[in-house]
Amino acid sequence: MTFLDCSTLSLLCRARRRALERDGQLALVCIRPWHLRILTAVDLNTLFKPCATVQEALNSVRRALGTPHSRAERRTDSRRGDSDS
């Protein structure tokens, strides 16, 4: 997004609430320093915990949901499950 105002902040808050109501997660990537400054000024940086990259955001969501980070990790986890049986 290139423009961030109170309407955008309201939309982000609604999207986060809806995601949480459905047991989901919302990850926010801030690549523009002034977006982060705005989020910090209105104290939403602690609520959204913005990430610097898409990969960082995906990893954050995966950690929150308790899912592996890659296909290789899923294969490794499934092999571990087979060896325990």
N, C-alpha and C. Protein backbone atom coordinates (compact mmCIF):
# COMPACT_ATOMS: atom_id res chain seq x y z
N MET A 1 0.84 -1.17 0.00
CA MET A 1 0.00 0.00 0.00
C MET A 1 0.88 1.23 0.00
N THR A 2 0.42 2.25 -0.62
CA THR A 2 1.22 3.47 -0.71
C THR A 2 0.69 4.59 0.17
N PHE A 3 -0.55 4.46 0.63
CA PHE A 3 -1.18 5.52 1.41
C PHE A 3 -1.71 4.92 2.70
N LEU A 4 -1.41 5.54 3.82
CA LEU A 4 -1.84 5.03 5.12
C LEU A 4 -2.47 6.17 5.91
N ASP A 5 -3.78 6.07 6.12
CA ASP A 5 -4.48 7.07 6.91
C ASP A 5 -5.37 6.35 7.93
N CYS A 6 -6.24 7.10 8.62
CA CYS A 6 -7.06 6.49 9.67
C CYS A 6 -8.03 5.46 9.08
N SER A 7 -8.50 5.65 7.87
CA SER A 7 -9.38 4.65 7.25
C SER A 7 -8.63 3.35 7.01
N THR A 8 -7.40 3.44 6.58
CA THR A 8 -6.59 2.25 6.35
C THR A 8 -6.30 1.54 7.67
N LEU A 9 -6.00 2.30 8.71
CA LEU A 9 -5.76 1.71 10.03
C LEU A 9 -7.00 1.00 10.54
N SER A 10 -8.15 1.61 10.33
CA SER A 10 -9.41 0.99 10.73
C SER A 10 -9.64 -0.31 9.97
N LEU A 11 -9.37 -0.29 8.68
CA LEU A 11 -9.52 -1.49 7.86
C LEU A 11 -8.58 -2.61 8.33
N LEU A 12 -7.34 -2.26 8.65
CA LEU A 12 -6.39 -3.25 9.16
C LEU A 12 -6.87 -3.86 10.48
N CYS A 13 -7.42 -3.02 11.34
CA CYS A 13 -7.93 -3.52 12.63
C CYS A 13 -9.12 -4.46 12.42
N ARG A 14 -10.02 -4.11 11.51
CA ARG A 14 -11.16 -4.99 11.21
C ARG A 14 -10.68 -6.31 10.60
N ALA A 15 -9.72 -6.23 9.70
CA ALA A 15 -9.20 -7.45 9.07
C ALA A 15 -8.55 -8.35 10.11
N ARG A 16 -7.80 -7.78 11.04
CA ARG A 16 -7.17 -8.56 12.09
C ARG A 16 -8.22 -9.22 12.97
N ARG A 17 -9.23 -8.44 13.37
CA ARG A 17 -10.29 -8.99 14.21
C ARG A 17 -11.00 -10.15 13.52
N ARG A 18 -11.33 -9.99 12.24
CA ARG A 18 -12.00 -11.06 11.49
C ARG A 18 -11.12 -12.30 11.38
N ALA A 19 -9.84 -12.09 11.15
CA ALA A 19 -8.92 -13.24 11.05
C ALA A 19 -8.88 -13.99 12.38
N LEU A 20 -8.77 -13.25 13.48
CA LEU A 20 -8.70 -13.89 14.79
C LEU A 20 -10.01 -14.61 15.14
N GLU A 21 -11.15 -14.04 14.74
CA GLU A 21 -12.44 -14.69 14.98
C GLU A 21 -12.53 -16.04 14.28
N ARG A 22 -11.79 -16.19 13.21
CA ARG A 22 -11.79 -17.43 12.43
C ARG A 22 -10.55 -18.27 12.72
N ASP A 23 -9.93 -18.03 13.87
CA ASP A 23 -8.71 -18.73 14.28
C ASP A 23 -7.58 -18.56 13.26
N GLY A 24 -7.52 -17.42 12.62
CA GLY A 24 -6.47 -17.13 11.65
C GLY A 24 -5.47 -16.13 12.20
N GLN A 25 -4.60 -15.71 11.35
CA GLN A 25 -3.56 -14.75 11.69
C GLN A 25 -3.49 -13.70 10.59
N LEU A 26 -3.08 -12.52 10.96
CA LEU A 26 -2.84 -11.46 9.98
C LEU A 26 -1.42 -10.97 10.17
N ALA A 27 -0.64 -11.07 9.12
CA ALA A 27 0.75 -10.59 9.18
C ALA A 27 0.86 -9.33 8.35
N LEU A 28 1.58 -8.37 8.88
CA LEU A 28 1.73 -7.08 8.21
C LEU A 28 3.20 -6.86 7.89
N VAL A 29 3.47 -6.54 6.64
CA VAL A 29 4.83 -6.26 6.19
C VAL A 29 4.95 -4.76 5.95
N CYS A 30 5.91 -4.14 6.61
CA CYS A 30 6.15 -2.70 6.44
C CYS A 30 7.49 -2.50 5.76
N ILE A 31 7.44 -2.06 4.51
CA ILE A 31 8.70 -1.80 3.80
C ILE A 31 9.01 -0.31 3.74
N ARG A 32 8.03 0.49 4.12
CA ARG A 32 8.24 1.95 4.14
C ARG A 32 8.38 2.40 5.59
N PRO A 33 9.49 3.03 5.93
CA PRO A 33 9.71 3.45 7.32
C PRO A 33 8.59 4.33 7.87
N TRP A 34 8.00 5.17 7.05
CA TRP A 34 6.97 6.06 7.57
C TRP A 34 5.69 5.30 7.92
N HIS A 35 5.44 4.14 7.29
CA HIS A 35 4.30 3.31 7.70
C HIS A 35 4.53 2.81 9.14
N LEU A 36 5.74 2.36 9.41
CA LEU A 36 6.07 1.90 10.75
C LEU A 36 5.98 3.04 11.76
N ARG A 37 6.41 4.23 11.36
CA ARG A 37 6.30 5.39 12.27
C ARG A 37 4.84 5.69 12.59
N ILE A 38 3.96 5.59 11.60
CA ILE A 38 2.54 5.84 11.84
C ILE A 38 1.97 4.78 12.78
N LEU A 39 2.27 3.51 12.52
CA LEU A 39 1.79 2.44 13.39
C LEU A 39 2.30 2.63 14.82
N THR A 40 3.53 3.06 14.96
CA THR A 40 4.10 3.29 16.28
C THR A 40 3.43 4.49 16.95
N ALA A 41 3.16 5.54 16.20
CA ALA A 41 2.56 6.75 16.76
C ALA A 41 1.17 6.47 17.35
N VAL A 42 0.43 5.55 16.74
CA VAL A 42 -0.92 5.23 17.23
C VAL A 42 -0.92 3.93 18.04
N ASP A 43 0.28 3.45 18.39
CA ASP A 43 0.49 2.28 19.24
C ASP A 43 -0.11 1.00 18.65
N LEU A 44 -0.14 0.88 17.34
CA LEU A 44 -0.60 -0.34 16.69
C LEU A 44 0.56 -1.27 16.33
N ASN A 45 1.78 -0.78 16.49
CA ASN A 45 2.94 -1.62 16.20
C ASN A 45 3.02 -2.82 17.15
N THR A 46 2.52 -2.68 18.37
CA THR A 46 2.53 -3.80 19.30
C THR A 46 1.41 -4.79 18.99
N LEU A 47 0.33 -4.30 18.41
CA LEU A 47 -0.79 -5.18 18.06
C LEU A 47 -0.49 -5.98 16.80
N PHE A 48 0.06 -5.32 15.79
CA PHE A 48 0.32 -5.96 14.50
C PHE A 48 1.69 -6.61 14.41
N LYS A 49 2.66 -6.12 15.18
CA LYS A 49 4.04 -6.62 15.10
C LYS A 49 4.51 -6.72 13.64
N PRO A 50 4.61 -5.57 12.97
CA PRO A 50 4.96 -5.58 11.55
C PRO A 50 6.33 -6.20 11.29
N CYS A 51 6.43 -6.86 10.15
CA CYS A 51 7.66 -7.53 9.72
C CYS A 51 8.31 -6.74 8.59
N ALA A 52 9.59 -6.99 8.40
CA ALA A 52 10.34 -6.27 7.36
C ALA A 52 10.22 -6.93 5.99
N THR A 53 9.94 -8.25 5.96
CA THR A 53 9.85 -8.96 4.69
C THR A 53 8.65 -9.90 4.70
N VAL A 54 8.24 -10.32 3.53
CA VAL A 54 7.15 -11.28 3.40
C VAL A 54 7.56 -12.60 4.04
N GLN A 55 8.80 -13.04 3.83
CA GLN A 55 9.26 -14.30 4.42
C GLN A 55 9.21 -14.24 5.94
N GLU A 56 9.62 -13.12 6.50
CA GLU A 56 9.56 -12.96 7.96
C GLU A 56 8.11 -13.03 8.45
N ALA A 57 7.19 -12.43 7.71
CA ALA A 57 5.77 -12.46 8.07
C ALA A 57 5.23 -13.88 7.99
N LEU A 58 5.58 -14.61 6.94
CA LEU A 58 5.13 -15.99 6.81
C LEU A 58 5.67 -16.85 7.94
N ASN A 59 6.92 -16.67 8.28
CA ASN A 59 7.51 -17.42 9.39
C ASN A 59 6.81 -17.10 10.71
N SER A 60 6.46 -15.84 10.89
CA SER A 60 5.75 -15.43 12.10
C SER A 60 4.39 -16.11 12.21
N VAL A 61 3.66 -16.14 11.10
CA VAL A 61 2.35 -16.79 11.09
C VAL A 61 2.51 -18.29 11.31
N ARG A 62 3.48 -18.88 10.67
CA ARG A 62 3.70 -20.33 10.84
C ARG A 62 4.03 -20.67 12.29
N ARG A 63 4.86 -19.83 12.92
CA ARG A 63 5.17 -20.06 14.34
C ARG A 63 3.91 -19.95 15.19
N ALA A 64 3.09 -18.95 14.91
CA ALA A 64 1.86 -18.75 15.68
C ALA A 64 0.90 -19.92 15.51
N LEU A 65 0.87 -20.48 14.32
CA LEU A 65 -0.03 -21.60 14.05
C LEU A 65 0.59 -22.95 14.36
N GLY A 66 1.89 -22.95 14.64
CA GLY A 66 2.58 -24.20 14.96
C GLY A 66 2.78 -25.11 13.77
N THR A 67 2.97 -24.52 12.57
CA THR A 67 3.18 -25.32 11.37
C THR A 67 4.64 -25.24 10.94
N PRO A 68 5.13 -26.28 10.24
CA PRO A 68 6.53 -26.26 9.76
C PRO A 68 6.77 -25.12 8.78
N HIS A 69 8.02 -24.75 8.66
CA HIS A 69 8.40 -23.62 7.80
C HIS A 69 8.60 -23.98 6.35
N SER A 70 8.76 -25.23 6.03
CA SER A 70 9.02 -25.58 4.65
C SER A 70 8.57 -27.01 4.37
N ARG A 71 8.53 -27.36 3.10
CA ARG A 71 8.18 -28.73 2.72
C ARG A 71 9.20 -29.72 3.28
N ALA A 72 10.46 -29.34 3.26
CA ALA A 72 11.52 -30.21 3.77
C ALA A 72 11.28 -30.51 5.25
N GLU A 73 10.88 -29.49 6.03
CA GLU A 73 10.60 -29.71 7.44
C GLU A 73 9.40 -30.62 7.62
N ARG A 74 8.37 -30.47 6.79
CA ARG A 74 7.19 -31.34 6.88
C ARG A 74 7.59 -32.79 6.58
N ARG A 75 8.45 -32.99 5.57
CA ARG A 75 8.90 -34.34 5.24
C ARG A 75 9.69 -34.93 6.41
N THR A 76 10.54 -34.12 7.00
CA THR A 76 11.34 -34.58 8.14
C THR A 76 10.43 -34.95 9.30
N ASP A 77 9.42 -34.11 9.57
CA ASP A 77 8.49 -34.38 10.66
C ASP A 77 7.70 -35.65 10.39
N SER A 78 7.28 -35.87 9.15
CA SER A 78 6.50 -37.07 8.84
C SER A 78 7.37 -38.32 8.95
N ARG A 79 8.65 -38.21 8.60
CA ARG A 79 9.56 -39.35 8.75
C ARG A 79 9.76 -39.69 10.23
N ARG A 80 9.85 -38.66 11.03
CA ARG A 80 10.02 -38.89 12.48
C ARG A 80 8.80 -39.62 13.02
N GLY A 81 7.63 -39.25 12.57
CA GLY A 81 6.41 -39.90 13.02
C GLY A 81 6.38 -41.36 12.60
N ASP A 82 6.88 -41.68 11.39
CA ASP A 82 6.90 -43.06 10.91
C ASP A 82 7.87 -43.92 11.72
N SER A 83 8.99 -43.34 12.12
CA SER A 83 10.00 -44.12 12.83
C SER A 83 9.57 -44.39 14.27
N ASP A 84 8.69 -43.54 14.82
CA ASP A 84 8.23 -43.73 16.19
C ASP A 84 7.18 -44.82 16.29
N SER A 85 6.53 -45.18 15.20
CA SER A 85 5.44 -46.16 15.25
C SER A 85 5.97 -47.56 15.32
